[in-house]
Structure formats: C-alpha cells, structure tokens
Amino acid sequence: MTTATAQTFPPIDQETRSHVGTDQAAFYCMRKPQTMRMWAALEPKGAIKPIRVNGRLAWPVAEIRALLEGGTK
C-alpha cells in the first residue's frame, strides 16, 4: 500500500519564479489540475493562458496573481 504525500507550495506572494507547473497553479487557483489543463485547451478563452515548454504547461505567476485579485487583463 502506498500513501500519497501532500505537496506544499510557498504562498503566491513569495513565489519568485515567473511560471509554475500545473499542480502548483491549480493549488493557487483552488482548482484541480485537470481544470487547469482544460483552461489550456480552451485558449484563448481560458481564465489564464499558459506557455508550453517541451510539451509541459507553465503558468504565469503574474496572471495567477491578477486572477486572484479579481480578474485578468
């Protein structure tokens, strides 16, 4: 039997990177990772637009902060 370990992320205001991975972005947005992937598929209609790096999604911290402060652009 394996036990899942919970991931811990720094508070968004202490995040120094410009982009974060899907799991971390989902944590900050209080959504499931699959919802974030759906937002990526809905470009440009998703709430946040990620960039793709070698097939992986990278979510802009500035846009996550804007979303949490009441909306994007």
N, C-alpha and C. Protein backbone atom coordinates (compact mmCIF):
# COMPACT_ATOMS: atom_id res chain seq x y z
N MET A 1 0.85 -1.17 0.00
CA MET A 1 0.00 0.00 0.00
C MET A 1 0.90 1.25 0.00
N THR A 2 0.59 2.15 -0.88
CA THR A 2 1.35 3.40 -0.93
C THR A 2 0.50 4.52 -0.35
N THR A 3 1.18 5.44 0.25
CA THR A 3 0.47 6.60 0.79
C THR A 3 0.87 7.82 -0.02
N ALA A 4 -0.09 8.61 -0.34
CA ALA A 4 0.17 9.83 -1.11
C ALA A 4 0.69 10.90 -0.16
N THR A 5 1.68 11.62 -0.61
CA THR A 5 2.19 12.73 0.18
C THR A 5 1.64 14.02 -0.39
N ALA A 6 1.21 14.88 0.50
CA ALA A 6 0.66 16.17 0.07
C ALA A 6 1.80 17.09 -0.33
N GLN A 7 1.61 17.79 -1.44
CA GLN A 7 2.60 18.75 -1.87
C GLN A 7 2.35 20.07 -1.16
N THR A 8 3.42 20.71 -0.79
CA THR A 8 3.28 22.03 -0.19
C THR A 8 3.97 23.04 -1.10
N PHE A 9 3.33 24.16 -1.26
CA PHE A 9 3.84 25.22 -2.13
C PHE A 9 3.98 26.49 -1.30
N PRO A 10 4.91 27.36 -1.67
CA PRO A 10 5.03 28.63 -0.95
C PRO A 10 3.83 29.52 -1.25
N PRO A 11 3.53 30.45 -0.37
CA PRO A 11 2.45 31.40 -0.68
C PRO A 11 2.75 32.11 -2.00
N ILE A 12 1.71 32.45 -2.72
CA ILE A 12 1.87 33.06 -4.05
C ILE A 12 2.67 34.35 -3.97
N ASP A 13 2.56 35.10 -2.88
CA ASP A 13 3.30 36.35 -2.79
C ASP A 13 4.80 36.13 -2.53
N GLN A 14 5.18 34.90 -2.21
CA GLN A 14 6.59 34.58 -2.01
C GLN A 14 7.19 33.82 -3.20
N GLU A 15 6.38 33.54 -4.20
CA GLU A 15 6.86 32.82 -5.39
C GLU A 15 7.73 33.76 -6.22
N THR A 16 8.96 33.35 -6.48
CA THR A 16 9.90 34.21 -7.20
C THR A 16 10.04 33.83 -8.67
N ARG A 17 9.58 32.66 -9.05
CA ARG A 17 9.67 32.25 -10.46
C ARG A 17 8.58 32.95 -11.28
N SER A 18 8.83 33.09 -12.56
CA SER A 18 7.85 33.75 -13.42
C SER A 18 6.71 32.80 -13.81
N HIS A 19 6.98 31.50 -13.84
CA HIS A 19 5.98 30.50 -14.22
C HIS A 19 6.07 29.31 -13.26
N VAL A 20 4.93 28.64 -13.06
CA VAL A 20 4.89 27.45 -12.22
C VAL A 20 4.20 26.32 -12.97
N GLY A 21 4.35 25.12 -12.47
CA GLY A 21 3.74 23.95 -13.09
C GLY A 21 2.24 23.88 -12.84
N THR A 22 1.61 22.92 -13.48
CA THR A 22 0.15 22.79 -13.42
C THR A 22 -0.35 22.52 -12.01
N ASP A 23 0.29 21.60 -11.28
CA ASP A 23 -0.17 21.29 -9.92
C ASP A 23 -0.11 22.51 -9.01
N GLN A 24 0.96 23.27 -9.12
CA GLN A 24 1.12 24.45 -8.29
C GLN A 24 0.11 25.53 -8.69
N ALA A 25 -0.08 25.73 -9.97
CA ALA A 25 -1.07 26.71 -10.44
C ALA A 25 -2.47 26.33 -9.97
N ALA A 26 -2.79 25.05 -10.02
CA ALA A 26 -4.10 24.58 -9.56
C ALA A 26 -4.27 24.84 -8.07
N PHE A 27 -3.22 24.63 -7.31
CA PHE A 27 -3.27 24.90 -5.87
C PHE A 27 -3.59 26.37 -5.62
N TYR A 28 -2.89 27.28 -6.29
CA TYR A 28 -3.11 28.70 -6.09
C TYR A 28 -4.51 29.14 -6.53
N CYS A 29 -5.01 28.55 -7.60
CA CYS A 29 -6.32 28.93 -8.14
C CYS A 29 -7.47 28.17 -7.48
N MET A 30 -7.13 27.28 -6.55
CA MET A 30 -8.12 26.47 -5.85
C MET A 30 -8.96 25.65 -6.84
N ARG A 31 -8.27 25.06 -7.79
CA ARG A 31 -8.88 24.21 -8.80
C ARG A 31 -8.12 22.90 -8.87
N LYS A 32 -8.66 21.93 -9.57
CA LYS A 32 -7.96 20.67 -9.80
C LYS A 32 -7.04 20.84 -11.01
N PRO A 33 -5.95 20.08 -11.04
CA PRO A 33 -5.03 20.17 -12.19
C PRO A 33 -5.74 19.96 -13.53
N GLN A 34 -6.74 19.09 -13.56
CA GLN A 34 -7.44 18.84 -14.81
C GLN A 34 -8.19 20.08 -15.29
N THR A 35 -8.68 20.90 -14.37
CA THR A 35 -9.34 22.15 -14.75
C THR A 35 -8.35 23.08 -15.42
N MET A 36 -7.12 23.12 -14.88
CA MET A 36 -6.09 23.96 -15.48
C MET A 36 -5.78 23.48 -16.90
N ARG A 37 -5.72 22.17 -17.08
CA ARG A 37 -5.46 21.63 -18.42
C ARG A 37 -6.59 21.98 -19.37
N MET A 38 -7.83 21.99 -18.85
CA MET A 38 -8.97 22.38 -19.69
C MET A 38 -8.84 23.85 -20.09
N TRP A 39 -8.43 24.72 -19.14
CA TRP A 39 -8.22 26.13 -19.47
C TRP A 39 -7.18 26.26 -20.58
N ALA A 40 -6.15 25.44 -20.52
CA ALA A 40 -5.11 25.50 -21.55
C ALA A 40 -5.68 25.09 -22.90
N ALA A 41 -6.58 24.11 -22.91
CA ALA A 41 -7.17 23.64 -24.16
C ALA A 41 -8.15 24.67 -24.73
N LEU A 42 -8.71 25.51 -23.88
CA LEU A 42 -9.70 26.50 -24.31
C LEU A 42 -9.08 27.80 -24.79
N GLU A 43 -7.78 27.83 -24.96
CA GLU A 43 -7.12 29.06 -25.40
C GLU A 43 -7.85 29.64 -26.60
N PRO A 44 -8.09 30.89 -26.68
CA PRO A 44 -7.74 31.95 -25.73
C PRO A 44 -8.83 32.22 -24.71
N LYS A 45 -9.84 31.35 -24.58
CA LYS A 45 -10.97 31.63 -23.71
C LYS A 45 -10.77 31.18 -22.27
N GLY A 46 -9.69 30.49 -21.95
CA GLY A 46 -9.43 30.07 -20.58
C GLY A 46 -9.13 31.27 -19.70
N ALA A 47 -9.25 31.08 -18.40
CA ALA A 47 -9.01 32.18 -17.47
C ALA A 47 -7.57 32.65 -17.49
N ILE A 48 -6.63 31.74 -17.68
CA ILE A 48 -5.21 32.06 -17.72
C ILE A 48 -4.61 31.33 -18.91
N LYS A 49 -3.68 31.97 -19.61
CA LYS A 49 -3.04 31.36 -20.77
C LYS A 49 -1.63 30.87 -20.40
N PRO A 50 -1.40 29.56 -20.43
CA PRO A 50 -0.08 29.04 -20.13
C PRO A 50 0.82 29.06 -21.37
N ILE A 51 2.10 28.86 -21.14
CA ILE A 51 3.00 28.62 -22.25
C ILE A 51 3.35 27.13 -22.22
N ARG A 52 3.79 26.62 -23.33
CA ARG A 52 4.17 25.21 -23.40
C ARG A 52 5.69 25.12 -23.54
N VAL A 53 6.29 24.31 -22.67
CA VAL A 53 7.73 24.10 -22.69
C VAL A 53 7.96 22.60 -22.81
N ASN A 54 8.43 22.17 -23.99
CA ASN A 54 8.67 20.74 -24.24
C ASN A 54 7.46 19.88 -23.88
N GLY A 55 6.29 20.34 -24.25
CA GLY A 55 5.07 19.56 -24.03
C GLY A 55 4.44 19.73 -22.65
N ARG A 56 5.07 20.50 -21.79
CA ARG A 56 4.51 20.74 -20.46
C ARG A 56 3.98 22.16 -20.37
N LEU A 57 2.99 22.34 -19.49
CA LEU A 57 2.39 23.66 -19.31
C LEU A 57 3.12 24.42 -18.22
N ALA A 58 3.37 25.69 -18.48
CA ALA A 58 3.96 26.58 -17.49
C ALA A 58 3.02 27.77 -17.35
N TRP A 59 2.57 28.00 -16.13
CA TRP A 59 1.55 29.01 -15.86
C TRP A 59 2.17 30.28 -15.32
N PRO A 60 1.87 31.43 -15.91
CA PRO A 60 2.48 32.70 -15.47
C PRO A 60 1.96 33.13 -14.09
N VAL A 61 2.88 33.33 -13.18
CA VAL A 61 2.54 33.72 -11.81
C VAL A 61 1.83 35.07 -11.80
N ALA A 62 2.24 35.99 -12.65
CA ALA A 62 1.61 37.32 -12.69
C ALA A 62 0.12 37.20 -13.05
N GLU A 63 -0.22 36.31 -13.97
CA GLU A 63 -1.63 36.14 -14.34
C GLU A 63 -2.41 35.45 -13.23
N ILE A 64 -1.78 34.53 -12.52
CA ILE A 64 -2.44 33.88 -11.38
C ILE A 64 -2.74 34.93 -10.32
N ARG A 65 -1.77 35.78 -10.03
CA ARG A 65 -1.98 36.86 -9.04
C ARG A 65 -3.11 37.78 -9.48
N ALA A 66 -3.14 38.15 -10.76
CA ALA A 66 -4.21 39.02 -11.27
C ALA A 66 -5.57 38.36 -11.13
N LEU A 67 -5.64 37.08 -11.43
CA LEU A 67 -6.90 36.35 -11.30
C LEU A 67 -7.37 36.34 -9.85
N LEU A 68 -6.45 36.11 -8.94
CA LEU A 68 -6.81 36.08 -7.52
C LEU A 68 -7.18 37.44 -6.97
N GLU A 69 -6.71 38.49 -7.62
CA GLU A 69 -7.03 39.86 -7.18
C GLU A 69 -8.32 40.37 -7.78
N GLY A 70 -8.99 39.56 -8.57
CA GLY A 70 -10.29 39.99 -9.06
C GLY A 70 -10.50 39.90 -10.55
N GLY A 71 -9.59 39.37 -11.27
CA GLY A 71 -9.80 39.20 -12.71
C GLY A 71 -8.51 39.33 -13.48
N THR A 72 -8.59 39.00 -14.75
CA THR A 72 -7.45 39.10 -15.62
C THR A 72 -7.64 40.27 -16.55
N LYS A 73 -6.57 40.81 -17.03
CA LYS A 73 -6.50 41.90 -18.01
C LYS A 73 -7.73 42.71 -18.07
